[in-house]
């Protein structure tokens, strides 16, 4: 996949900026949605299936000579685990699905930024590592996201501050995509 760092950065800026904009413009709805996220089954199914499909795509690109004859069975098994999680692991499925997506997004970000010729790429790489560590943490302790979201939305003032910080990060990434990461 040939994705430029500029394109990835703009997409990340928009993706990461949407929730804080919503949180700043409609704090009551944002608070209700954030508090319900961890146990939101439909969102969990979408995130888990997205993560499963994305993982299978990456796995299909791997050249595993030692396991080439087993690769179709492995893909079927991994796919079955992802789909099966939607049926048998419904507790905190949204958080688990988000964890898988964060891990894969971190890989995409690190791979895309690897050969960029600007030191600003380290912003994307650092964020990728934050996503990977967060994904691993949430895989093991999914209820911590529920607790974090409850803390972040405990008061209207805290909700505004958290969303303002998220929007600032999103704008930084968006601006980098529109300036520093553009090809010369």
Foldseek 3Di string as FASTA:
>chain_A
DDDALLNLLQVQLVVLLVLLVCCQVPVVVSLVCQLCQQQPLVLLLVLLLVLLVLVLVVLVPDDDPVCVVCSVVVNVVSSCVSNVCSVPVNRSSNLLSQLSVLLSSLVVLCVNLVPQPDPVSVLSNVVSVVSNVSSVVCNVVVCVSSVVSCVCSVDSVSSNVVSVVSNVSSVVSNVCSVPVRDDD
